[in-house]
Amino acid sequence: MNTGAHHPAAGPGSGDPSRVGPDGQGQGDAARLPRLIVPRRFPDQRGWFSETWNARRLAADGLAIDFVQDNQSYSAQRGTIRGLHFQAPPHAQGKLVRTLRGRIYDVAVDIRRGSPTYGQFVGAELTAENGHQLWIPVGFAHGFCTLDDDVDVAYKVTDYYAPECEGGLRFDDPDIGIPWPLDGAACVSDKDAVLPGLRGFESPFDCDGVPLRALATG
C-alpha cells in the first residue's frame, strides 16, 4: 500500500447514507473509502474454489453495493497503464477490480473537493494468484499498471457506461506522484496521454467528510 502527497482543496461536504446504488450515492463509511477485499479460497488436490463476490458477506462488512455491469479489459504488454479514469455524476461509478490473469499495480486517487486528502492515493498489487480485489469508491480516480504481458482485469461497476460523463487525469501528473512500477516507457492510449493534470482540475465530486487512510482489508 502506498499513499501520495497531500494536496488540499476547498469544497462542500455531503450526507451520510448507507448503501451504494447505481447513482453512486448512499455510501456508509466503509464504502466511501478504497478497500482491499481478500476472498477466501478453498484448496484441494484439484486446485481451489472461491466466491469472488458475495453480496451478503460484503454487506455484513459495511459494503452494501449494488452492481449493474461487469467489464473486462485485456492488456497485451507489460507496462501498460490505463487511467486515471472516473465517471462523473449523474452516472458516477464505484468499481470492484480484480485480476483474472497476470498482475497489476492498482491505484485509487482521492478527487473529492474539500477532502483533507485531496490528491492522495492508495495502491495495491492485484494478481490472479493472490485473488485480491480493490474497491474504488465514487469520488476516486482509478488506474492500473500491468506487471506482466497478457493481463486480464475484471471490473464490477455500480452504474452503466455513460460516455458523456467520462473523465480522467494524467497518470504521470507530478502533483499526484504515483510511483508506477515501470521498467521503461509506459504504454498508454492516445486518449489517456492527453488527460489534464490535477492543477486547474474542477472535480465533479464533493467531499463526504471521510478522509483517505491506509487500505482496510476485508
Protein backbone atom coordinates (compact mmCIF):
# COMPACT_ATOMS: atom_id res chain seq x y z
CA MET A 1 0.00 0.00 0.00
CA ASN A 2 1.23 3.46 -0.90
CA THR A 3 -0.05 6.94 -0.15
CA GLY A 4 0.77 10.07 -2.08
CA ALA A 5 1.37 13.69 -1.20
CA HIS A 6 -1.28 15.90 0.35
CA HIS A 7 -2.87 18.49 -1.94
CA PRO A 8 -5.56 20.46 -0.06
CA ALA A 9 -8.61 21.89 -1.77
CA ALA A 10 -11.82 23.63 -0.74
CA GLY A 11 -15.37 22.36 -1.22
CA PRO A 12 -18.63 21.36 0.48
CA GLY A 13 -19.38 18.09 2.25
CA SER A 14 -22.30 15.69 1.87
CA GLY A 15 -24.61 13.48 3.93
CA ASP A 16 -24.23 10.03 5.50
CA PRO A 17 -26.49 7.41 3.90
CA SER A 18 -25.76 3.68 3.98
CA ARG A 19 -25.96 1.94 0.60
CA VAL A 20 -24.17 2.37 -2.72
CA GLY A 21 -26.72 2.48 -5.53
CA PRO A 22 -26.46 2.94 -9.30
CA ASP A 23 -26.04 6.71 -8.90
CA GLY A 24 -23.00 6.21 -6.67
CA GLN A 25 -24.77 7.76 -3.71
CA GLY A 26 -25.79 6.20 -0.43
CA GLN A 27 -22.46 5.13 0.99
CA GLY A 28 -21.70 4.10 4.54
CA ASP A 29 -18.26 4.94 5.91
CA ALA A 30 -16.76 1.61 4.86
CA ALA A 31 -17.93 2.04 1.26
CA ARG A 32 -16.72 5.63 0.95
CA LEU A 33 -13.04 4.69 1.00
CA PRO A 34 -10.92 2.30 -1.08
CA ARG A 35 -10.75 -1.14 0.44
CA LEU A 36 -8.77 -4.29 -0.25
CA ILE A 37 -11.03 -7.35 -0.46
CA VAL A 38 -9.45 -10.77 0.14
CA PRO A 39 -11.91 -13.55 -0.78
CA ARG A 40 -11.36 -16.87 0.94
CA ARG A 41 -10.08 -19.77 -1.14
CA PHE A 42 -10.77 -23.47 -0.54
CA PRO A 43 -7.92 -25.58 -1.96
CA ASP A 44 -7.86 -29.31 -2.65
CA GLN A 45 -5.98 -31.71 -4.91
CA ARG A 46 -7.70 -30.27 -7.99
CA GLY A 47 -6.81 -26.63 -7.30
CA TRP A 48 -9.10 -24.25 -5.41
CA PHE A 49 -12.60 -22.73 -5.26
CA SER A 50 -13.51 -19.17 -4.25
CA GLU A 51 -16.58 -16.95 -4.02
CA THR A 52 -15.25 -13.86 -5.80
CA TRP A 53 -18.29 -11.77 -4.86
CA ASN A 54 -20.94 -12.37 -2.21
CA ALA A 55 -23.41 -9.53 -1.65
CA ARG A 56 -24.44 -10.63 1.85
CA ARG A 57 -20.87 -11.07 3.04
CA LEU A 58 -19.77 -7.67 1.75
CA ALA A 59 -22.86 -6.02 3.23
CA ALA A 60 -22.01 -7.54 6.61
CA ASP A 61 -18.61 -5.83 6.30
CA GLY A 62 -20.23 -2.47 5.53
CA LEU A 63 -20.02 -2.71 1.74
CA ALA A 64 -23.68 -2.89 0.69
CA ILE A 65 -23.10 -2.29 -3.01
CA ASP A 66 -25.47 -2.64 -5.97
CA PHE A 67 -23.55 -3.60 -9.11
CA VAL A 68 -25.21 -3.29 -12.53
CA GLN A 69 -22.50 -4.17 -15.05
CA ASP A 70 -19.38 -6.33 -15.43
CA ASN A 71 -16.45 -5.18 -17.61
CA GLN A 72 -13.22 -6.86 -18.68
CA SER A 73 -10.03 -5.45 -20.19
CA TYR A 74 -7.09 -7.19 -21.83
CA SER A 75 -3.62 -5.61 -21.95
CA ALA A 76 -1.06 -7.30 -24.19
CA GLN A 77 2.07 -5.57 -22.97
CA ARG A 78 3.78 -5.26 -19.61
CA GLY A 79 3.98 -1.62 -18.56
CA THR A 80 0.54 -0.75 -19.95
CA ILE A 81 -1.18 1.96 -17.91
CA ARG A 82 -4.93 2.54 -18.03
CA GLY A 83 -6.12 5.66 -16.24
CA LEU A 84 -6.59 7.67 -14.28
CA HIS A 85 -10.32 7.37 -15.01
CA PHE A 86 -13.64 8.26 -13.38
CA GLN A 87 -17.27 8.65 -14.40
CA ALA A 88 -18.97 11.83 -13.19
CA PRO A 89 -22.48 12.33 -11.78
CA PRO A 90 -25.26 11.66 -12.57
CA HIS A 91 -23.68 8.37 -13.66
CA ALA A 92 -20.82 8.13 -11.17
CA GLN A 93 -19.36 4.65 -10.80
CA GLY A 94 -17.89 2.70 -7.96
CA LYS A 95 -15.71 -0.22 -9.11
CA LEU A 96 -14.63 -3.55 -7.68
CA VAL A 97 -11.47 -4.57 -9.54
CA ARG A 98 -9.71 -7.92 -9.72
CA THR A 99 -7.16 -9.61 -11.96
CA LEU A 100 -8.10 -12.74 -13.89
CA ARG A 101 -4.67 -13.30 -15.42
CA GLY A 102 -1.31 -11.75 -14.59
CA ARG A 103 -0.51 -8.94 -12.16
CA ILE A 104 -1.31 -5.24 -11.87
CA TYR A 105 -0.48 -2.34 -9.58
CA ASP A 106 -3.92 -0.80 -8.94
CA VAL A 107 -4.44 2.76 -7.69
CA ALA A 108 -7.27 4.95 -6.34
CA VAL A 109 -6.77 8.75 -6.17
CA ASP A 110 -8.93 10.95 -3.93
CA ILE A 111 -10.51 13.66 -6.12
CA ARG A 112 -13.31 14.77 -3.77
CA ARG A 113 -13.46 18.56 -3.49
CA GLY A 114 -12.74 19.71 0.03
CA SER A 115 -11.24 16.41 1.12
CA PRO A 116 -8.28 16.83 3.50
CA THR A 117 -6.62 14.06 1.47
CA TYR A 118 -7.39 15.51 -1.97
CA GLY A 119 -4.81 14.26 -4.47
CA GLN A 120 -3.58 11.44 -2.24
CA PHE A 121 -3.69 7.86 -3.45
CA VAL A 122 -3.59 4.27 -2.25
CA GLY A 123 -2.31 1.36 -4.28
CA ALA A 124 -2.15 -2.42 -4.09
CA GLU A 125 -0.81 -5.29 -6.18
CA LEU A 126 -3.66 -7.43 -7.50
CA THR A 127 -2.74 -10.76 -9.05
CA ALA A 128 -4.55 -13.79 -10.37
CA GLU A 129 -2.58 -15.78 -7.82
CA ASN A 130 -3.46 -13.76 -4.70
CA GLY A 131 -7.09 -13.14 -5.74
CA HIS A 132 -7.16 -9.73 -4.05
CA GLN A 133 -9.71 -7.13 -5.16
CA LEU A 134 -9.74 -3.34 -4.78
CA TRP A 135 -12.93 -1.38 -4.13
CA ILE A 136 -12.74 2.04 -5.85
CA PRO A 137 -15.50 4.31 -4.47
CA VAL A 138 -17.26 7.17 -6.20
CA GLY A 139 -15.07 10.27 -5.85
CA PHE A 140 -11.82 8.46 -6.65
CA ALA A 141 -9.96 8.25 -9.96
CA HIS A 142 -8.81 4.75 -10.89
CA GLY A 143 -5.83 3.46 -12.81
CA PHE A 144 -3.50 0.49 -13.04
CA CYS A 145 -0.17 -0.60 -14.48
CA THR A 146 0.34 -4.12 -15.80
CA LEU A 147 3.28 -6.03 -14.32
CA ASP A 148 3.15 -8.86 -16.88
CA ASP A 149 2.32 -9.38 -20.55
CA ASP A 150 -1.17 -10.66 -21.34
CA VAL A 151 -3.15 -9.33 -18.38
CA ASP A 152 -6.93 -9.67 -17.98
CA VAL A 153 -8.72 -7.40 -15.49
CA ALA A 154 -12.39 -7.61 -14.44
CA TYR A 155 -14.48 -4.76 -13.02
CA LYS A 156 -17.88 -4.78 -11.35
CA VAL A 157 -19.42 -1.28 -11.57
CA THR A 158 -22.34 0.48 -9.88
CA ASP A 159 -23.65 2.37 -12.93
CA TYR A 160 -23.78 1.83 -16.66
CA TYR A 161 -21.19 3.29 -19.01
CA ALA A 162 -22.07 6.89 -19.92
CA PRO A 163 -19.57 8.39 -22.40
CA GLU A 164 -20.83 11.91 -21.76
CA CYS A 165 -19.73 11.54 -18.12
CA GLU A 166 -16.23 10.19 -18.78
CA GLY A 167 -13.33 11.99 -17.14
CA GLY A 168 -9.74 11.47 -16.18
CA LEU A 169 -6.37 12.76 -15.00
CA ARG A 170 -2.85 12.18 -16.27
CA PHE A 171 -1.28 9.01 -14.93
CA ASP A 172 2.10 10.76 -14.59
CA ASP A 173 0.90 14.01 -13.01
CA PRO A 174 3.72 15.12 -10.66
CA ASP A 175 1.18 16.68 -8.30
CA ILE A 176 -0.17 13.19 -7.63
CA GLY A 177 3.21 11.47 -7.84
CA ILE A 178 2.30 7.83 -8.30
CA PRO A 179 5.48 5.67 -8.40
CA TRP A 180 4.38 3.41 -11.23
CA PRO A 181 6.49 0.21 -11.35
CA LEU A 182 7.79 0.71 -14.90
CA ASP A 183 10.95 -0.70 -16.46
CA GLY A 184 10.74 1.73 -19.39
CA ALA A 185 8.21 3.93 -21.15
CA ALA A 186 4.55 3.32 -20.34
CA CYS A 187 2.18 2.03 -23.00
CA VAL A 188 -0.85 4.36 -22.86
CA SER A 189 -3.74 5.15 -25.17
CA ASP A 190 -3.77 8.37 -27.19
CA LYS A 191 -6.80 9.41 -25.14
CA ASP A 192 -5.09 8.88 -21.78
CA ALA A 193 -1.92 10.63 -22.95
CA VAL A 194 -3.71 13.99 -23.24
CA LEU A 195 -5.70 13.91 -19.99
CA PRO A 196 -5.28 17.01 -17.78
CA GLY A 197 -3.31 17.25 -14.56
CA LEU A 198 -4.65 17.94 -11.08
CA ARG A 199 -3.84 21.66 -11.14
CA GLY A 200 -6.79 23.57 -12.52
CA PHE A 201 -8.93 20.43 -12.48
CA GLU A 202 -12.53 21.05 -11.38
CA SER A 203 -13.70 17.88 -9.70
CA PRO A 204 -17.37 16.91 -10.08
CA PHE A 205 -17.28 15.17 -6.67
CA ASP A 206 -17.84 16.72 -3.24
CA CYS A 207 -16.12 15.51 -0.09
CA ASP A 208 -18.24 13.35 2.21
CA GLY A 209 -16.17 14.16 5.28
CA VAL A 210 -14.26 10.86 5.42
CA PRO A 211 -10.50 11.34 4.79
CA LEU A 212 -8.45 8.78 2.92
CA ARG A 213 -6.42 6.43 5.10
CA ALA A 214 -4.44 3.22 4.77
CA LEU A 215 -6.27 0.44 2.96
CA ALA A 216 -8.61 -1.57 5.14
CA THR A 217 -8.76 -5.27 4.36
CA GLY A 218 -11.87 -7.41 4.31
